[in-house]
Amino acid sequence: LVITDVRDATVPVVDDEDRSWYNNVQIMLSGKRKFPRRGTWAICAKCGEVEDERFKWNVGLGGDGLQAIYGNQSLVLLSCTTMAIADQRIDPLDVSLVYMQGRPTALERELSSGKLSVAEDLVSSRHAEIRNLIFVACKEGAYEHESELLTELAKFCKDKFLKIMAMCKATLNKLEVSAEFIFGCSLNHITDSQISALQGAFTKVTKLSIEPDRHMEFERFKTQAVSSEKLIPFLRMFPYLNSLRFCAGKWVRWSKLDVLLAACPRLDRLYVGTHTVDGKTALQSATAHHVRTLVFDFPQAEVPCDFSGLKSCQETEYLLLRTNCKNKVSQTAMTQCFKLLPRLRWLFCIMCYQNRTQVAHCAVPGTSAPELRILEYIEPSILAAVYPQLDSIFWIDIVNH
């Protein structure tokens, strides 16, 4: 039995319960799929996650039962960041998606061994096949040498992170990275030159996601957040980027929208979510840009609901701001935003301090006044139930804090 081109199935192709029916059948799978782990509620000793909540990625041959049979031909990638890649040499059929772990403080041990990690070996030999790359951090051993964390992080980005990315520059379509690696790229002048050499190199990458890291505590680094403007050279490596999730937690201080839009001329969707924000300039853009979706997720910052700085974004259709601002937003201000942005269809102002959400909708922009609603809740899960379009309009769910 040969099953080919398996793509993102939500359940196993063959369950363990049904395995007895296929004792005499050799089952081969080609493609990739993901599904929840079954049969256990144990706590992972390394990351503290409930194992049943983890996801298992099977790339190439494999499955819950088949993994043992075809162990040398399958790549098993777990979202538990300490177990991101198997500790054995593998040769999967399909490596279009690679999920990697980074261990900045373990770098010296890796370098001294003189050997490539399994992930590096895989990327160096199969880089032409990789389309999606997920690069996350691992907390295991992260605090062994706290005084050297910044040095280790800078070296990791210089010696590992950027070089692995560069191997995939011709084929990569989508990149997801932990925020501290983006932060680490700003710490070393050699890294700056490496990034400069890669300007415009990733011509097929259209989606970039920068995620806050829950395993690496920012406070441990005893440093200051880097300005989002300093990371512009990194973004310029992706000239055809149309979707950007810039969710950097405490690692990056969000300062100016204008500079980021200038670095991403083809951007269509932008999601920004950071803990440190310059409220006066966070929503300012003097540069004309055709970005259609703008999401500003600042639940801990007092960013005012003043959208006058977005008047150059004349193509914007969907706008959301989550803020801890104490000032109320008048209906006049909500209506005025639709005059400022002639193509605007939806406006969401989620007011965390007031525990209410103000919504404005105009079915046909420019022809009628927007409909206004005030909701006495701010929970993203409830909002998504009331407004299902949040999933598609804003590309990705708002994270609860």
Protein backbone atom coordinates (compact mmCIF):
# COMPACT_ATOMS: atom_id res chain seq x y z
CA LEU A 1 0.00 0.00 0.00
CA VAL A 2 1.56 3.28 -1.12
CA ILE A 3 0.07 6.58 0.06
CA THR A 4 1.59 9.59 -1.66
CA ASP A 5 1.53 13.35 -1.28
CA VAL A 6 0.17 13.43 2.27
CA ARG A 7 -0.25 17.10 3.20
CA ASP A 8 -1.18 18.47 6.61
CA ALA A 9 -3.68 15.80 7.62
CA THR A 10 -5.20 16.32 11.06
CA VAL A 11 -5.41 12.63 11.95
CA PRO A 12 -3.03 9.70 11.38
CA VAL A 13 -3.54 7.93 8.07
CA VAL A 14 -3.57 4.61 9.95
CA ASP A 15 -4.44 4.49 13.66
CA ASP A 16 -2.60 2.22 16.05
CA GLU A 17 -5.95 0.63 16.94
CA ASP A 18 -6.34 -0.54 13.35
CA ARG A 19 -2.75 -1.69 12.95
CA SER A 20 -3.65 -5.37 13.46
CA TRP A 21 -5.68 -5.31 10.26
CA TYR A 22 -2.52 -4.54 8.28
CA ASN A 23 -0.02 -7.01 9.73
CA ASN A 24 0.90 -8.33 6.30
CA VAL A 25 0.80 -5.02 4.49
CA GLN A 26 3.82 -2.79 4.01
CA ILE A 27 2.56 0.78 4.29
CA MET A 28 4.60 3.58 2.77
CA LEU A 29 3.80 7.27 3.15
CA SER A 30 5.19 10.18 1.18
CA GLY A 31 4.64 13.80 2.12
CA LYS A 32 4.13 15.56 5.41
CA ARG A 33 1.34 15.63 7.97
CA LYS A 34 0.71 16.73 11.51
CA PHE A 35 -1.55 15.47 14.27
CA PRO A 36 -1.76 15.54 18.08
CA ARG A 37 0.04 12.93 20.10
CA ARG A 38 -2.30 10.29 21.53
CA GLY A 39 -2.53 8.08 24.56
CA THR A 40 -0.59 10.12 27.12
CA TRP A 41 -1.05 13.04 29.46
CA ALA A 42 2.43 12.93 30.92
CA ILE A 43 4.43 16.09 31.50
CA CYS A 44 7.51 16.55 29.33
CA ALA A 45 10.52 16.56 31.68
CA LYS A 46 12.41 18.98 29.46
CA CYS A 47 9.94 21.73 28.65
CA GLY A 48 7.13 21.21 31.15
CA GLU A 49 4.47 20.96 28.46
CA VAL A 50 1.70 18.37 28.60
CA GLU A 51 2.79 15.82 26.03
CA ASP A 52 -0.71 15.43 24.65
CA GLU A 53 -0.64 19.10 23.68
CA ARG A 54 2.45 18.71 21.56
CA PHE A 55 2.27 18.13 17.86
CA LYS A 56 4.22 15.51 16.00
CA TRP A 57 5.36 16.24 12.47
CA ASN A 58 6.11 13.26 10.26
CA VAL A 59 8.08 14.06 7.16
CA GLY A 60 8.60 11.24 4.70
CA LEU A 61 7.94 7.68 5.81
CA GLY A 62 6.53 7.32 9.26
CA GLY A 63 3.64 7.26 11.68
CA ASP A 64 2.94 6.31 15.28
CA GLY A 65 3.58 2.62 14.66
CA LEU A 66 5.52 2.86 11.44
CA GLN A 67 8.19 5.04 13.00
CA ALA A 68 9.84 2.03 14.62
CA ILE A 69 9.72 0.07 11.37
CA TYR A 70 11.07 2.84 9.16
CA GLY A 71 13.05 4.71 11.80
CA ASN A 72 16.02 5.28 9.54
CA GLN A 73 13.85 6.75 6.79
CA SER A 74 11.66 9.19 8.69
CA LEU A 75 12.17 12.61 10.20
CA VAL A 76 10.14 13.13 13.37
CA LEU A 77 9.91 16.74 14.51
CA LEU A 78 8.20 17.65 17.79
CA SER A 79 7.01 21.12 18.71
CA CYS A 80 8.48 20.55 22.17
CA THR A 81 11.49 22.79 21.58
CA THR A 82 13.94 20.56 23.40
CA MET A 83 13.07 17.66 21.12
CA ALA A 84 12.82 19.50 17.83
CA ILE A 85 14.83 17.04 15.81
CA ALA A 86 15.73 13.38 16.23
CA ASP A 87 19.16 12.52 17.64
CA GLN A 88 20.10 10.28 14.75
CA ARG A 89 21.19 10.58 11.14
CA ILE A 90 18.15 10.55 8.94
CA ASP A 91 17.35 10.66 5.27
CA PRO A 92 13.67 11.60 4.91
CA LEU A 93 11.90 11.56 1.57
CA ASP A 94 10.32 14.96 2.10
CA VAL A 95 12.11 17.82 3.84
CA SER A 96 9.96 20.67 2.55
CA LEU A 97 9.42 21.67 6.20
CA VAL A 98 12.27 21.62 8.73
CA TYR A 99 11.71 22.45 12.40
CA MET A 100 14.99 23.30 14.13
CA GLN A 101 16.09 24.15 17.64
CA GLY A 102 18.74 26.66 18.62
CA ARG A 103 20.81 26.41 21.79
CA PRO A 104 22.94 29.56 22.13
CA THR A 105 24.69 28.57 25.36
CA ALA A 106 25.54 25.13 24.05
CA LEU A 107 27.34 26.60 21.06
CA GLU A 108 30.85 26.11 22.40
CA ARG A 109 30.26 22.40 22.94
CA GLU A 110 28.90 22.04 19.42
CA LEU A 111 31.83 23.90 17.88
CA SER A 112 34.44 22.02 19.91
CA SER A 113 33.04 18.68 18.77
CA GLY A 114 33.83 19.55 15.17
CA LYS A 115 30.65 17.85 14.02
CA LEU A 116 27.56 19.21 12.36
CA SER A 117 24.31 18.76 14.25
CA VAL A 118 21.68 16.54 12.66
CA ALA A 119 19.76 19.62 11.60
CA GLU A 120 22.78 21.32 10.02
CA ASP A 121 23.73 18.12 8.23
CA LEU A 122 20.20 17.81 6.89
CA VAL A 123 20.04 21.42 5.71
CA SER A 124 23.48 21.37 4.10
CA SER A 125 22.70 18.22 2.12
CA ARG A 126 19.02 18.86 1.28
CA HIS A 127 18.74 22.65 1.25
CA ALA A 128 17.36 22.73 -2.30
CA GLU A 129 14.21 20.93 -1.11
CA ILE A 130 13.41 23.07 1.94
CA ARG A 131 10.44 25.41 1.53
CA ASN A 132 9.49 26.21 5.14
CA LEU A 133 11.96 26.69 7.99
CA ILE A 134 10.99 27.02 11.66
CA PHE A 135 13.78 28.12 13.98
CA VAL A 136 13.01 28.15 17.71
CA ALA A 137 14.95 28.37 20.96
CA CYS A 138 15.52 25.69 23.54
CA LYS A 139 15.60 26.43 27.27
CA GLU A 140 17.64 23.34 28.12
CA GLY A 141 20.98 24.59 29.44
CA ALA A 142 20.04 28.20 28.70
CA TYR A 143 21.19 29.56 32.05
CA GLU A 144 24.39 27.63 32.62
CA HIS A 145 26.48 30.75 32.05
CA GLU A 146 24.17 33.72 32.55
CA SER A 147 26.99 36.26 32.40
CA GLU A 148 27.84 35.07 28.89
CA LEU A 149 24.33 34.90 27.47
CA LEU A 150 24.65 37.93 25.20
CA THR A 151 28.02 36.77 23.87
CA GLU A 152 26.70 33.28 23.21
CA LEU A 153 23.60 34.61 21.49
CA ALA A 154 25.65 36.89 19.21
CA LYS A 155 27.99 34.02 18.29
CA PHE A 156 25.09 31.70 17.63
CA CYS A 157 23.50 34.14 15.19
CA LYS A 158 26.84 34.74 13.46
CA ASP A 159 28.05 31.14 13.26
CA LYS A 160 24.82 29.17 12.95
CA PHE A 161 21.56 31.04 12.45
CA LEU A 162 22.37 33.18 9.42
CA LYS A 163 24.52 30.53 7.74
CA ILE A 164 21.78 27.92 7.94
CA MET A 165 19.27 30.41 6.56
CA ALA A 166 21.62 31.34 3.73
CA MET A 167 21.82 27.71 2.58
CA CYS A 168 18.08 27.82 1.85
CA LYS A 169 17.91 31.24 0.21
CA ALA A 170 17.06 29.97 -3.28
CA THR A 171 14.06 27.84 -2.32
CA LEU A 172 12.70 29.07 1.02
CA ASN A 173 9.08 30.32 0.95
CA LYS A 174 8.29 30.83 4.62
CA LEU A 175 10.39 31.50 7.72
CA GLU A 176 9.42 31.40 11.41
CA VAL A 177 12.01 32.41 14.02
CA SER A 178 12.16 33.14 17.73
CA ALA A 179 12.52 36.81 18.63
CA GLU A 180 15.83 36.48 20.47
CA PHE A 181 17.57 35.35 17.28
CA ILE A 182 16.42 38.54 15.57
CA PHE A 183 17.67 40.43 18.62
CA GLY A 184 20.97 38.53 18.44
CA CYS A 185 21.53 39.69 14.88
CA SER A 186 21.90 43.25 16.19
CA LEU A 187 24.73 42.44 18.61
CA ASN A 188 27.72 41.84 16.36
CA HIS A 189 29.20 43.95 13.55
CA ILE A 190 30.21 40.78 11.69
CA THR A 191 26.58 39.73 11.72
CA ASP A 192 25.73 43.13 10.25
CA SER A 193 28.03 42.46 7.31
CA GLN A 194 26.55 38.98 6.83
CA ILE A 195 23.07 40.46 6.69
CA SER A 196 24.23 43.15 4.24
CA ALA A 197 25.63 40.44 1.98
CA LEU A 198 22.20 38.78 1.95
CA GLN A 199 20.20 41.89 1.06
CA GLY A 200 17.46 40.85 -1.37
CA ALA A 201 18.70 37.24 -1.44
CA PHE A 202 15.52 35.47 -0.26
CA THR A 203 13.43 36.21 -3.34
CA LYS A 204 10.82 33.48 -2.73
CA VAL A 205 10.05 34.20 0.92
CA THR A 206 6.60 35.80 1.16
CA LYS A 207 5.81 35.09 4.84
CA LEU A 208 7.94 35.87 7.87
CA SER A 209 6.91 35.25 11.47
CA ILE A 210 8.93 36.52 14.44
CA GLU A 211 7.62 35.02 17.67
CA PRO A 212 8.27 35.96 21.31
CA ASP A 213 10.18 33.22 23.05
CA ARG A 214 8.77 31.77 26.26
CA HIS A 215 11.84 29.66 27.02
CA MET A 216 14.42 32.45 27.09
CA GLU A 217 13.59 35.07 29.74
CA PHE A 218 14.56 38.51 28.50
CA GLU A 219 15.40 39.76 32.01
CA ARG A 220 18.17 37.16 32.32
CA PHE A 221 20.15 38.91 29.62
CA LYS A 222 20.49 42.15 31.61
CA THR A 223 20.20 44.28 28.50
CA GLN A 224 17.85 46.71 26.79
CA ALA A 225 15.39 45.98 24.02
CA VAL A 226 16.70 46.83 20.58
CA SER A 227 14.85 49.39 18.48
CA SER A 228 12.76 47.96 15.66
CA GLU A 229 14.56 50.36 13.32
CA LYS A 230 17.85 48.54 13.93
CA LEU A 231 16.35 45.35 12.49
CA ILE A 232 15.40 46.87 9.15
CA PRO A 233 18.48 45.36 7.37
CA PHE A 234 17.24 41.90 8.41
CA LEU A 235 13.85 42.53 6.81
CA ARG A 236 15.48 43.76 3.61
CA MET A 237 16.76 40.25 2.98
CA PHE A 238 13.17 39.43 1.93
CA PRO A 239 12.25 41.78 -0.95
CA TYR A 240 8.98 40.01 -1.82
CA LEU A 241 7.59 39.76 1.71
CA ASN A 242 3.81 40.23 1.76
CA SER A 243 2.90 38.90 5.23
CA LEU A 244 4.82 39.81 8.38
CA ARG A 245 4.05 38.80 11.96
CA PHE A 246 6.35 40.95 14.09
CA CYS A 247 5.61 39.68 17.58
CA ALA A 248 8.81 40.25 19.53
CA GLY A 249 7.74 40.38 23.18
CA LYS A 250 10.34 42.33 25.20
CA TRP A 251 13.24 41.81 22.78
CA VAL A 252 12.35 44.63 20.40
CA ARG A 253 11.00 48.08 21.18
CA TRP A 254 8.43 49.05 18.57
CA SER A 255 9.13 52.61 17.51
CA LYS A 256 8.17 53.59 13.97
CA LEU A 257 5.81 51.96 11.51
CA ASP A 258 7.09 54.19 8.72
CA VAL A 259 10.58 52.69 8.70
CA LEU A 260 9.31 49.11 8.62
CA LEU A 261 6.90 49.73 5.74
CA ALA A 262 9.71 51.36 3.76
CA ALA A 263 11.80 48.20 4.22
CA CYS A 264 8.94 45.95 3.02
CA PRO A 265 7.52 47.66 -0.10
CA ARG A 266 5.31 44.69 -1.08
CA LEU A 267 3.82 44.10 2.37
CA ASP A 268 0.09 43.36 2.32
CA ARG A 269 -0.50 42.15 5.90
CA LEU A 270 1.24 43.31 9.05
CA TYR A 271 0.74 42.06 12.60
CA VAL A 272 2.77 43.87 15.26
CA GLY A 273 2.82 42.75 18.89
CA THR A 274 5.50 43.85 21.37
CA HIS A 275 5.64 44.63 25.09
CA THR A 276 7.74 47.80 24.75
CA VAL A 277 6.22 50.49 22.55
CA ASP A 278 6.84 54.14 21.81
CA GLY A 279 3.22 55.27 22.01
CA LYS A 280 3.82 58.59 20.25
CA THR A 281 5.24 57.09 17.06
CA ALA A 282 3.85 53.52 17.06
CA LEU A 283 1.14 54.29 14.50
CA GLN A 284 2.97 56.92 12.45
CA SER A 285 3.61 56.45 8.74
CA ALA A 286 4.46 59.31 6.41
CA THR A 287 5.32 56.97 3.55
CA ALA A 288 2.55 55.99 1.13
CA HIS A 289 2.05 52.23 1.25
CA HIS A 290 -0.53 49.78 -0.12
CA VAL A 291 -0.68 47.56 2.99
CA ARG A 292 -4.27 46.27 3.32
CA THR A 293 -4.28 44.76 6.83
CA LEU A 294 -2.78 46.42 9.91
CA VAL A 295 -2.94 44.80 13.34
CA PHE A 296 -1.32 46.51 16.34
CA ASP A 297 -1.44 44.30 19.42
CA PHE A 298 -0.20 46.32 22.43
CA PRO A 299 -2.25 45.08 25.42
CA GLN A 300 0.30 46.34 27.95
CA ALA A 301 1.05 49.72 26.37
CA GLU A 302 -0.96 52.94 26.54
CA VAL A 303 -1.04 53.60 22.81
CA PRO A 304 -3.74 56.20 22.00
CA CYS A 305 -6.42 55.40 19.43
CA ASP A 306 -5.18 58.13 17.13
CA PHE A 307 -5.01 56.89 13.55
CA SER A 308 -4.19 60.22 11.90
CA GLY A 309 -0.60 59.05 11.39
CA LEU A 310 -1.85 56.32 9.03
CA LYS A 311 -3.28 58.71 6.44
CA SER A 312 -0.62 57.66 3.90
CA CYS A 313 -1.88 54.04 4.02
CA GLN A 314 -4.73 54.74 1.61
CA GLU A 315 -5.20 51.08 0.63
CA THR A 316 -5.83 49.81 4.18
CA GLU A 317 -9.09 47.87 4.47
CA TYR A 318 -8.75 46.22 7.89
CA LEU A 319 -7.38 47.90 11.00
CA LEU A 320 -7.15 46.62 14.57
CA LEU A 321 -5.59 48.11 17.67
CA ARG A 322 -5.45 46.42 21.06
CA THR A 323 -4.25 48.87 23.68
CA ASN A 324 -4.21 49.60 27.40
CA CYS A 325 -5.02 53.26 26.77
CA LYS A 326 -7.15 54.81 29.53
CA ASN A 327 -8.86 57.36 27.26
CA LYS A 328 -12.15 56.47 25.63
CA VAL A 329 -12.63 56.61 21.86
CA SER A 330 -15.53 58.75 20.69
CA GLN A 331 -17.87 57.68 17.93
CA THR A 332 -16.78 60.77 16.02
CA ALA A 333 -13.16 59.59 16.11
CA MET A 334 -14.19 56.13 14.89
CA THR A 335 -16.18 57.61 12.01
CA GLN A 336 -13.39 60.05 11.16
CA CYS A 337 -11.00 57.14 10.64
CA PHE A 338 -13.11 55.97 7.67
CA LYS A 339 -12.78 59.40 6.09
CA LEU A 340 -9.04 59.29 6.66
CA LEU A 341 -8.73 55.82 5.07
CA PRO A 342 -11.17 55.69 2.12
CA ARG A 343 -10.95 51.91 1.59
CA LEU A 344 -11.39 50.95 5.25
CA ARG A 345 -14.00 48.22 5.87
CA TRP A 346 -13.37 47.12 9.47
CA LEU A 347 -11.99 48.94 12.50
CA PHE A 348 -11.51 47.20 15.87
CA CYS A 349 -10.39 49.06 18.99
CA ILE A 350 -9.88 46.61 21.85
CA MET A 351 -9.62 48.68 25.03
CA CYS A 352 -8.04 46.48 27.70
CA TYR A 353 -8.18 49.06 30.52
CA GLN A 354 -11.89 49.69 29.94
CA ASN A 355 -12.72 46.05 29.23
CA ARG A 356 -14.64 46.90 26.07
CA THR A 357 -14.25 46.62 22.31
CA GLN A 358 -15.42 49.23 19.83
CA VAL A 359 -16.18 47.98 16.33
CA ALA A 360 -16.94 49.92 13.17
CA HIS A 361 -17.87 48.36 9.82
CA CYS A 362 -18.55 49.83 6.40
CA ALA A 363 -19.79 47.27 3.86
CA VAL A 364 -19.13 49.53 0.86
CA PRO A 365 -16.33 51.98 1.67
CA GLY A 366 -16.96 55.56 0.67
CA THR A 367 -20.70 55.19 0.05
CA SER A 368 -22.21 55.13 3.54
CA ALA A 369 -21.46 55.88 7.18
CA PRO A 370 -19.94 53.00 9.17
CA GLU A 371 -22.02 50.95 11.59
CA LEU A 372 -20.74 51.29 15.16
CA ARG A 373 -20.95 48.77 18.02
CA ILE A 374 -19.65 48.71 21.58
CA LEU A 375 -18.99 45.27 23.09
CA GLU A 376 -18.51 44.78 26.82
CA TYR A 377 -15.71 42.24 26.47
CA ILE A 378 -12.18 42.06 25.08
CA GLU A 379 -11.37 38.34 25.03
CA PRO A 380 -10.01 37.36 21.58
CA SER A 381 -11.77 33.98 21.70
CA ILE A 382 -15.17 35.65 22.18
CA LEU A 383 -14.44 38.27 19.54
CA ALA A 384 -13.50 35.56 17.07
CA ALA A 385 -16.80 33.79 17.77
CA VAL A 386 -18.78 36.99 17.15
CA TYR A 387 -16.64 38.04 14.19
CA PRO A 388 -15.38 34.89 12.41
CA GLN A 389 -13.67 37.09 9.84
CA LEU A 390 -10.97 37.82 12.43
CA ASP A 391 -9.35 34.52 11.49
CA SER A 392 -9.09 35.37 7.81
CA ILE A 393 -8.92 39.16 7.88
CA PHE A 394 -6.21 39.39 10.47
CA TRP A 395 -4.35 36.29 9.34
CA ILE A 396 -3.58 34.94 12.78
CA ASP A 397 -5.38 34.80 16.11
CA ILE A 398 -4.66 37.46 18.69
CA VAL A 399 -2.82 35.86 21.57
CA ASN A 400 -4.35 36.09 25.04
CA HIS A 401 -2.13 37.73 27.68
